[in-house]
N, C-alpha and C. Protein backbone atom coordinates (compact mmCIF):
# COMPACT_ATOMS: atom_id res chain seq x y z
N MET A 1 -10.94 33.12 -16.15
CA MET A 1 -10.06 33.01 -17.33
C MET A 1 -10.14 31.57 -17.84
N ASN A 2 -10.32 31.43 -19.15
CA ASN A 2 -10.39 30.06 -19.68
C ASN A 2 -8.99 29.54 -20.00
N GLU A 3 -8.92 28.24 -20.21
CA GLU A 3 -7.61 27.59 -20.37
C GLU A 3 -6.89 28.09 -21.62
N GLU A 4 -7.63 28.33 -22.70
CA GLU A 4 -6.99 28.78 -23.94
C GLU A 4 -6.28 30.12 -23.73
N LYS A 5 -6.98 31.06 -23.09
CA LYS A 5 -6.36 32.36 -22.84
C LYS A 5 -5.18 32.22 -21.89
N PHE A 6 -5.30 31.31 -20.92
CA PHE A 6 -4.20 31.08 -19.99
C PHE A 6 -2.94 30.66 -20.74
N TRP A 7 -3.08 29.69 -21.64
CA TRP A 7 -1.90 29.21 -22.36
C TRP A 7 -1.37 30.25 -23.34
N GLN A 8 -2.23 31.07 -23.91
CA GLN A 8 -1.76 32.16 -24.77
C GLN A 8 -0.89 33.12 -23.96
N LEU A 9 -1.31 33.39 -22.71
CA LEU A 9 -0.54 34.28 -21.85
C LEU A 9 0.81 33.66 -21.50
N ILE A 10 0.81 32.36 -21.18
CA ILE A 10 2.06 31.66 -20.87
C ILE A 10 3.01 31.74 -22.06
N GLU A 11 2.50 31.51 -23.27
CA GLU A 11 3.35 31.56 -24.46
C GLU A 11 3.91 32.96 -24.68
N GLN A 12 3.08 33.99 -24.44
CA GLN A 12 3.55 35.36 -24.60
C GLN A 12 4.67 35.66 -23.61
N ILE A 13 4.48 35.27 -22.35
CA ILE A 13 5.51 35.49 -21.34
C ILE A 13 6.79 34.75 -21.72
N GLY A 14 6.65 33.53 -22.24
CA GLY A 14 7.81 32.75 -22.64
C GLY A 14 8.61 33.44 -23.74
N ARG A 15 7.90 33.99 -24.73
CA ARG A 15 8.61 34.68 -25.81
C ARG A 15 9.31 35.92 -25.29
N GLU A 16 8.65 36.67 -24.39
CA GLU A 16 9.27 37.86 -23.83
C GLU A 16 10.50 37.49 -23.01
N ALA A 17 10.41 36.38 -22.28
CA ALA A 17 11.56 35.92 -21.49
C ALA A 17 12.73 35.56 -22.39
N LEU A 18 12.45 34.90 -23.51
CA LEU A 18 13.54 34.54 -24.43
C LEU A 18 14.17 35.79 -25.03
N GLU A 19 13.34 36.78 -25.36
CA GLU A 19 13.87 38.01 -25.93
C GLU A 19 14.71 38.76 -24.91
N ALA A 20 14.33 38.68 -23.63
CA ALA A 20 15.06 39.37 -22.58
C ALA A 20 16.29 38.59 -22.12
N GLY A 21 16.41 37.34 -22.56
CA GLY A 21 17.50 36.47 -22.10
C GLY A 21 18.87 37.08 -22.33
N SER A 22 19.03 37.85 -23.40
CA SER A 22 20.33 38.43 -23.69
C SER A 22 20.74 39.45 -22.63
N ASN A 23 19.74 39.93 -21.85
CA ASN A 23 20.03 40.91 -20.83
C ASN A 23 20.18 40.29 -19.44
N CYS A 24 19.96 38.96 -19.32
CA CYS A 24 19.89 38.36 -17.99
C CYS A 24 21.20 38.49 -17.24
N ALA A 25 22.33 38.62 -17.94
CA ALA A 25 23.61 38.76 -17.27
C ALA A 25 23.67 40.08 -16.50
N ALA A 26 22.87 41.04 -16.90
CA ALA A 26 22.87 42.34 -16.25
C ALA A 26 21.95 42.38 -15.03
N TRP A 27 21.10 41.35 -14.88
CA TRP A 27 20.17 41.34 -13.75
C TRP A 27 20.88 40.88 -12.49
N PRO A 28 20.50 41.42 -11.33
CA PRO A 28 21.08 40.95 -10.07
C PRO A 28 20.75 39.48 -9.83
N SER A 29 21.66 38.75 -9.26
CA SER A 29 21.47 37.32 -9.07
C SER A 29 20.82 37.03 -7.72
């Protein structure tokens, strides 16, 4: 995997995490 694709994947995961943030209170701690 090249570095560019790696960072694209990191950015995608980051956006998904932000979108899921509203649900984090429902996740087990």
